[in-house]
Amino acid sequence: MTTSASPRQPATKRGRDTRDAILRAAEEVIGARGFAAASIADITRAAGIAQGTFYIYFDGKEQVFRELVAEMGRFTRRTISEAVVDARDRLEAERIGLRTFLEIAATRPTLYNIVEEARFVDPPSYDAYFTAFARNYARNLGAAAKEGTIRPGDAEIRAWALMGLAVTLGERYGQRNPQADRDAVVAEVFDMLERGLRS
């Protein structure tokens, strides 16, 4: 995917609403059909705008795609941060965070698809998405270890391991199976995390 300028931020509420309508339409169209099969005409038709209006806000489909990946990162980090703000300790924050992530995967499956497709469509966006998560995650795990609420260990490796677990569970028990008992999934995962696999 070629690099293009940053997306333009509109100054008026009407402009912001139009830009958001384009992003929501792109999320639906690209998330359902895939990047290659989706066209700008499909996106503008879904947004209910003229095709020329699209180019007021974005240079092309690639730029919209990158913005959606970045948006998913911001949305997920913000949603999880808000959910865990009153957690008593790191383990409770992990439990609430995983439950929240599974809910996001179940309720925003098209945006979840876009992040997964970014691995092939735009690897730098995909890498940036997970690297930003890992950096914040490792910082929180390291702080918890210093406070003594979890055992000491390599915070970066732990962050990537827990993210990998969450992404796989999000796909299986959120995105692809939105009716799954997410509380049961979280309970099983945390039985394993807290007790280990040793008999």
C-alpha atoms as a PDB file:
ATOM      1  CA  MET A   1       0.000   0.000   0.000  1.00  0.00           C
ATOM      2  CA  THR A   2       1.400   3.391  -0.964  1.00  0.00           C
ATOM      3  CA  THR A   3       1.892   6.116   1.612  1.00  0.00           C
ATOM      4  CA  SER A   4      -0.318   9.187   1.382  1.00  0.00           C
ATOM      5  CA  ALA A   5      -0.787  12.355   3.390  1.00  0.00           C
ATOM      6  CA  SER A   6      -2.607  12.315   6.710  1.00  0.00           C
ATOM      7  CA  PRO A   7      -6.402  12.449   6.430  1.00  0.00           C
ATOM      8  CA  ARG A   8      -7.825  15.961   6.564  1.00  0.00           C
ATOM      9  CA  GLN A   9      -9.678  16.934   9.744  1.00  0.00           C
ATOM     10  CA  PRO A  10     -12.800  19.025   9.027  1.00  0.00           C
ATOM     11  CA  ALA A  11     -13.337  22.244  10.984  1.00  0.00           C
ATOM     12  CA  THR A  12     -17.154  22.155  11.132  1.00  0.00           C
ATOM     13  CA  LYS A  13     -19.579  19.745  12.789  1.00  0.00           C
ATOM     14  CA  ARG A  14     -21.183  19.037   9.423  1.00  0.00           C
ATOM     15  CA  GLY A  15     -17.782  18.173   7.996  1.00  0.00           C
ATOM     16  CA  ARG A  16     -16.966  15.944  10.952  1.00  0.00           C
ATOM     17  CA  ASP A  17     -20.320  14.192  10.582  1.00  0.00           C
ATOM     18  CA  THR A  18     -19.716  13.618   6.858  1.00  0.00           C
ATOM     19  CA  ARG A  19     -16.211  12.287   7.485  1.00  0.00           C
ATOM     20  CA  ASP A  20     -17.546   9.978  10.179  1.00  0.00           C
ATOM     21  CA  ALA A  21     -20.293   8.756   7.816  1.00  0.00           C
ATOM     22  CA  ILE A  22     -17.595   7.867   5.276  1.00  0.00           C
ATOM     23  CA  LEU A  23     -15.615   5.962   7.914  1.00  0.00           C
ATOM     24  CA  ARG A  24     -18.689   4.065   9.151  1.00  0.00           C
ATOM     25  CA  ALA A  25     -19.647   3.162   5.575  1.00  0.00           C
ATOM     26  CA  ALA A  26     -16.059   2.102   4.827  1.00  0.00           C
ATOM     27  CA  GLU A  27     -15.989   0.001   7.993  1.00  0.00           C
ATOM     28  CA  GLU A  28     -19.135  -1.797   6.872  1.00  0.00           C
ATOM     29  CA  VAL A  29     -18.184  -2.210   3.206  1.00  0.00           C
ATOM     30  CA  ILE A  30     -14.490  -3.094   3.592  1.00  0.00           C
ATOM     31  CA  GLY A  31     -15.134  -5.167   6.712  1.00  0.00           C
ATOM     32  CA  ALA A  32     -17.782  -7.238   4.907  1.00  0.00           C
ATOM     33  CA  ARG A  33     -16.253  -7.516   1.412  1.00  0.00           C
ATOM     34  CA  GLY A  34     -12.535  -7.137   2.042  1.00  0.00           C
ATOM     35  CA  PHE A  35     -10.223  -4.359   0.894  1.00  0.00           C
ATOM     36  CA  ALA A  36      -9.718  -5.548  -2.684  1.00  0.00           C
ATOM     37  CA  ALA A  37     -13.418  -6.101  -3.431  1.00  0.00           C
ATOM     38  CA  ALA A  38     -14.625  -2.835  -1.894  1.00  0.00           C
ATOM     39  CA  SER A  39     -14.691   0.282  -4.081  1.00  0.00           C
ATOM     40  CA  ILE A  40     -14.948   3.970  -3.306  1.00  0.00           C
ATOM     41  CA  ALA A  41     -18.282   3.946  -5.152  1.00  0.00           C
ATOM     42  CA  ASP A  42     -19.513   1.232  -2.765  1.00  0.00           C
ATOM     43  CA  ILE A  43     -18.397   3.304   0.218  1.00  0.00           C
ATOM     44  CA  THR A  44     -19.963   6.569  -0.967  1.00  0.00           C
ATOM     45  CA  ARG A  45     -23.192   4.786  -1.877  1.00  0.00           C
ATOM     46  CA  ALA A  46     -23.361   3.282   1.626  1.00  0.00           C
ATOM     47  CA  ALA A  47     -22.577   6.700   3.161  1.00  0.00           C
ATOM     48  CA  GLY A  48     -25.246   8.406   1.045  1.00  0.00           C
ATOM     49  CA  ILE A  49     -22.856  10.994  -0.404  1.00  0.00           C
ATOM     50  CA  ALA A  50     -21.570  11.963  -3.837  1.00  0.00           C
ATOM     51  CA  GLN A  51     -18.327  10.285  -4.868  1.00  0.00           C
ATOM     52  CA  GLY A  52     -16.593  13.657  -5.188  1.00  0.00           C
ATOM     53  CA  THR A  53     -17.349  14.402  -1.531  1.00  0.00           C
ATOM     54  CA  PHE A  54     -15.185  11.437  -0.538  1.00  0.00           C
ATOM     55  CA  TYR A  55     -12.072  13.183  -1.896  1.00  0.00           C
ATOM     56  CA  ILE A  56     -12.656  16.257   0.237  1.00  0.00           C
ATOM     57  CA  TYR A  57     -11.749  14.110   3.248  1.00  0.00           C
ATOM     58  CA  PHE A  58      -9.578  11.257   1.957  1.00  0.00           C
ATOM     59  CA  ASP A  59      -7.096  10.744  -0.875  1.00  0.00           C
ATOM     60  CA  GLY A  60      -8.222   7.196  -1.549  1.00  0.00           C
ATOM     61  CA  LYS A  61      -9.399   3.860  -0.214  1.00  0.00           C
ATOM     62  CA  GLU A  62      -5.949   3.129   1.229  1.00  0.00           C
ATOM     63  CA  GLN A  63      -6.069   6.197   3.447  1.00  0.00           C
ATOM     64  CA  VAL A  64      -9.529   5.282   4.742  1.00  0.00           C
ATOM     65  CA  PHE A  65      -8.300   1.771   5.487  1.00  0.00           C
ATOM     66  CA  ARG A  66      -5.334   3.059   7.489  1.00  0.00           C
ATOM     67  CA  GLU A  67      -7.604   5.423   9.401  1.00  0.00           C
ATOM     68  CA  LEU A  68      -9.947   2.556  10.303  1.00  0.00           C
ATOM     69  CA  VAL A  69      -7.059   0.461  11.662  1.00  0.00           C
ATOM     70  CA  ALA A  70      -5.847   3.417  13.746  1.00  0.00           C
ATOM     71  CA  GLU A  71      -9.418   4.107  14.894  1.00  0.00           C
ATOM     72  CA  MET A  72      -9.868   0.513  16.036  1.00  0.00           C
ATOM     73  CA  GLY A  73      -6.698   0.863  18.100  1.00  0.00           C
ATOM     74  CA  ARG A  74      -7.844   4.098  19.736  1.00  0.00           C
ATOM     75  CA  PHE A  75     -11.374   2.819  20.305  1.00  0.00           C
ATOM     76  CA  THR A  76     -10.241  -0.466  21.841  1.00  0.00           C
ATOM     77  CA  ARG A  77      -7.605   1.085  24.116  1.00  0.00           C
ATOM     78  CA  ARG A  78     -10.053   3.759  25.290  1.00  0.00           C
ATOM     79  CA  THR A  79     -12.898   1.286  25.870  1.00  0.00           C
ATOM     80  CA  ILE A  80     -10.735  -1.136  27.829  1.00  0.00           C
ATOM     81  CA  SER A  81      -9.098   1.664  29.848  1.00  0.00           C
ATOM     82  CA  GLU A  82     -12.513   2.992  30.847  1.00  0.00           C
ATOM     83  CA  ALA A  83     -13.726  -0.510  31.750  1.00  0.00           C
ATOM     84  CA  VAL A  84     -10.790  -1.326  34.053  1.00  0.00           C
ATOM     85  CA  VAL A  85     -10.409   2.061  35.752  1.00  0.00           C
ATOM     86  CA  ASP A  86     -11.959   0.813  39.021  1.00  0.00           C
ATOM     87  CA  ALA A  87     -10.326  -2.637  39.025  1.00  0.00           C
ATOM     88  CA  ARG A  88      -8.907  -3.587  42.437  1.00  0.00           C
ATOM     89  CA  ASP A  89      -5.677  -5.054  41.055  1.00  0.00           C
ATOM     90  CA  ARG A  90      -3.966  -6.161  37.842  1.00  0.00           C
ATOM     91  CA  LEU A  91      -5.615  -9.581  37.718  1.00  0.00           C
ATOM     92  CA  GLU A  92      -9.071  -8.051  37.977  1.00  0.00           C
ATOM     93  CA  ALA A  93      -8.088  -5.521  35.303  1.00  0.00           C
ATOM     94  CA  GLU A  94      -6.975  -8.393  33.062  1.00  0.00           C
ATOM     95  CA  ARG A  95     -10.250 -10.233  33.616  1.00  0.00           C
ATOM     96  CA  ILE A  96     -12.379  -7.141  32.878  1.00  0.00           C
ATOM     97  CA  GLY A  97     -10.155  -6.177  29.947  1.00  0.00           C
ATOM     98  CA  LEU A  98     -10.502  -9.575  28.286  1.00  0.00           C
ATOM     99  CA  ARG A  99     -14.272  -9.579  28.767  1.00  0.00           C
ATOM    100  CA  THR A 100     -14.450  -6.092  27.266  1.00  0.00           C
ATOM    101  CA  PHE A 101     -12.296  -7.085  24.297  1.00  0.00           C
ATOM    102  CA  LEU A 102     -14.503 -10.093  23.542  1.00  0.00           C
ATOM    103  CA  GLU A 103     -17.504  -7.758  23.608  1.00  0.00           C
ATOM    104  CA  ILE A 104     -15.803  -5.400  21.129  1.00  0.00           C
ATOM    105  CA  ALA A 105     -15.005  -8.308  18.805  1.00  0.00           C
ATOM    106  CA  ALA A 106     -18.636  -9.454  18.952  1.00  0.00           C
ATOM    107  CA  THR A 107     -20.213  -6.025  18.436  1.00  0.00           C
ATOM    108  CA  ARG A 108     -17.752  -4.545  15.905  1.00  0.00           C
ATOM    109  CA  PRO A 109     -16.909  -7.586  13.741  1.00  0.00           C
ATOM    110  CA  THR A 110     -16.347  -5.593  10.550  1.00  0.00           C
ATOM    111  CA  LEU A 111     -13.786  -3.344  12.216  1.00  0.00           C
ATOM    112  CA  TYR A 112     -12.155  -6.445  13.692  1.00  0.00           C
ATOM    113  CA  ASN A 113     -11.963  -7.914  10.147  1.00  0.00           C
ATOM    114  CA  ILE A 114     -10.219  -4.768   8.915  1.00  0.00           C
ATOM    115  CA  VAL A 115      -7.494  -5.015  11.556  1.00  0.00           C
ATOM    116  CA  GLU A 116      -6.905  -8.664  10.680  1.00  0.00           C
ATOM    117  CA  GLU A 117      -6.785  -7.855   6.950  1.00  0.00           C
ATOM    118  CA  ALA A 118      -4.249  -5.097   7.626  1.00  0.00           C
ATOM    119  CA  ARG A 119      -1.657  -7.833   8.187  1.00  0.00           C
ATOM    120  CA  PHE A 120      -1.664  -8.323   4.407  1.00  0.00           C
ATOM    121  CA  VAL A 121      -3.037  -5.033   3.050  1.00  0.00           C
ATOM    122  CA  ASP A 122      -0.967  -2.596   5.105  1.00  0.00           C
ATOM    123  CA  PRO A 123       1.602  -4.320   7.378  1.00  0.00           C
ATOM    124  CA  PRO A 124       2.927  -1.025   8.856  1.00  0.00           C
ATOM    125  CA  SER A 125      -0.581  -0.151  10.129  1.00  0.00           C
ATOM    126  CA  TYR A 126      -0.982  -3.660  11.513  1.00  0.00           C
ATOM    127  CA  ASP A 127       2.391  -3.467  13.277  1.00  0.00           C
ATOM    128  CA  ALA A 128       1.629   0.002  14.652  1.00  0.00           C
ATOM    129  CA  TYR A 129      -1.731  -1.202  15.978  1.00  0.00           C
ATOM    130  CA  PHE A 130      -0.221  -4.028  18.020  1.00  0.00           C
ATOM    131  CA  THR A 131       2.984  -2.224  18.986  1.00  0.00           C
ATOM    132  CA  ALA A 132       1.001   0.622  20.586  1.00  0.00           C
ATOM    133  CA  PHE A 133      -1.037  -1.917  22.528  1.00  0.00           C
ATOM    134  CA  ALA A 134       2.035  -3.836  23.649  1.00  0.00           C
ATOM    135  CA  ARG A 135       3.861  -0.720  24.828  1.00  0.00           C
ATOM    136  CA  ASN A 136       0.983   0.378  27.092  1.00  0.00           C
ATOM    137  CA  TYR A 137       0.244  -3.173  28.197  1.00  0.00           C
ATOM    138  CA  ALA A 138       3.852  -3.870  29.181  1.00  0.00           C
ATOM    139  CA  ARG A 139       4.016  -0.619  31.132  1.00  0.00           C
ATOM    140  CA  ASN A 140       0.911  -1.592  33.143  1.00  0.00           C
ATOM    141  CA  LEU A 141       2.172  -5.127  33.771  1.00  0.00           C
ATOM    142  CA  GLY A 142       5.569  -3.815  34.858  1.00  0.00           C
ATOM    143  CA  ALA A 143       3.941  -1.382  37.282  1.00  0.00           C
ATOM    144  CA  ALA A 144       1.799  -4.171  38.747  1.00  0.00           C
ATOM    145  CA  ALA A 145       4.871  -6.353  39.260  1.00  0.00           C
ATOM    146  CA  LYS A 146       6.640  -3.509  41.098  1.00  0.00           C
ATOM    147  CA  GLU A 147       3.568  -3.057  43.301  1.00  0.00           C
ATOM    148  CA  GLY A 148       3.606  -6.780  44.063  1.00  0.00           C
ATOM    149  CA  THR A 149       0.123  -7.546  42.701  1.00  0.00           C
ATOM    150  CA  ILE A 150       1.570  -9.985  40.119  1.00  0.00           C
ATOM    151  CA  ARG A 151       4.807 -11.998  40.048  1.00  0.00           C
ATOM    152  CA  PRO A 152       7.868 -10.338  38.485  1.00  0.00           C
ATOM    153  CA  GLY A 153       8.620 -11.323  34.906  1.00  0.00           C
ATOM    154  CA  ASP A 154       9.342  -9.972  31.435  1.00  0.00           C
ATOM    155  CA  ALA A 155       6.519  -7.475  30.952  1.00  0.00           C
ATOM    156  CA  GLU A 156       6.986  -7.208  27.186  1.00  0.00           C
ATOM    157  CA  ILE A 157       6.786 -10.962  26.590  1.00  0.00           C
ATOM    158  CA  ARG A 158       3.798 -11.202  28.898  1.00  0.00           C
ATOM    159  CA  ALA A 159       2.070  -8.350  27.070  1.00  0.00           C
ATOM    160  CA  TRP A 160       2.492 -10.013  23.666  1.00  0.00           C
ATOM    161  CA  ALA A 161       1.419 -13.411  25.039  1.00  0.00           C
ATOM    162  CA  LEU A 162      -1.740 -11.992  26.608  1.00  0.00           C
ATOM    163  CA  MET A 163      -2.527  -9.983  23.474  1.00  0.00           C
ATOM    164  CA  GLY A 164      -2.142 -13.095  21.313  1.00  0.00           C
ATOM    165  CA  LEU A 165      -4.490 -14.984  23.582  1.00  0.00           C
ATOM    166  CA  ALA A 166      -7.060 -12.169  23.490  1.00  0.00           C
ATOM    167  CA  VAL A 167      -6.916 -11.800  19.690  1.00  0.00           C
ATOM    168  CA  THR A 168      -7.471 -15.531  19.120  1.00  0.00           C
ATOM    169  CA  LEU A 169     -10.293 -15.689  21.651  1.00  0.00           C
ATOM    170  CA  GLY A 170     -11.799 -12.523  20.183  1.00  0.00           C
ATOM    171  CA  GLU A 171     -11.946 -14.143  16.769  1.00  0.00           C
ATOM    172  CA  ARG A 172     -13.340 -17.467  18.014  1.00  0.00           C
ATOM    173  CA  TYR A 173     -15.737 -16.333  20.758  1.00  0.00           C
ATOM    174  CA  GLY A 174     -16.525 -12.790  19.680  1.00  0.00           C
ATOM    175  CA  GLN A 175     -16.282 -12.048  15.993  1.00  0.00           C
ATOM    176  CA  ARG A 176     -17.217 -15.505  14.635  1.00  0.00           C
ATOM    177  CA  ASN A 177     -19.486 -16.575  17.477  1.00  0.00           C
ATOM    178  CA  PRO A 178     -21.152 -13.481  18.952  1.00  0.00           C
ATOM    179  CA  GLN A 179     -23.634 -15.633  20.921  1.00  0.00           C
ATOM    180  CA  ALA A 180     -20.854 -17.372  22.870  1.00  0.00           C
ATOM    181  CA  ASP A 181     -20.940 -17.324  26.662  1.00  0.00           C
ATOM    182  CA  ARG A 182     -18.150 -14.795  27.078  1.00  0.00           C
ATOM    183  CA  ASP A 183     -18.270 -14.968  30.870  1.00  0.00           C
ATOM    184  CA  ALA A 184     -17.566 -18.711  30.693  1.00  0.00           C
ATOM    185  CA  VAL A 185     -14.670 -18.093  28.303  1.00  0.00           C
ATOM    186  CA  VAL A 186     -13.152 -15.502  30.631  1.00  0.00           C
ATOM    187  CA  ALA A 187     -13.611 -17.767  33.665  1.00  0.00           C
ATOM    188  CA  GLU A 188     -11.797 -20.636  31.957  1.00  0.00           C
ATOM    189  CA  VAL A 189      -8.963 -18.415  30.783  1.00  0.00           C
ATOM    190  CA  PHE A 190      -8.452 -16.951  34.230  1.00  0.00           C
ATOM    191  CA  ASP A 191      -8.549 -20.335  35.906  1.00  0.00           C
ATOM    192  CA  MET A 192      -5.629 -21.215  33.619  1.00  0.00           C
ATOM    193  CA  LEU A 193      -3.793 -17.903  34.117  1.00  0.00           C
ATOM    194  CA  GLU A 194      -4.091 -17.908  37.899  1.00  0.00           C
ATOM    195  CA  ARG A 195      -3.445 -21.625  38.507  1.00  0.00           C
ATOM    196  CA  GLY A 196      -1.390 -22.640  35.481  1.00  0.00           C
ATOM    197  CA  LEU A 197      -1.770 -25.996  33.693  1.00  0.00           C
ATOM    198  CA  ARG A 198       0.149 -28.147  36.166  1.00  0.00           C
ATOM    199  CA  SER A 199      -2.104 -30.726  37.843  1.00  0.00           C
END
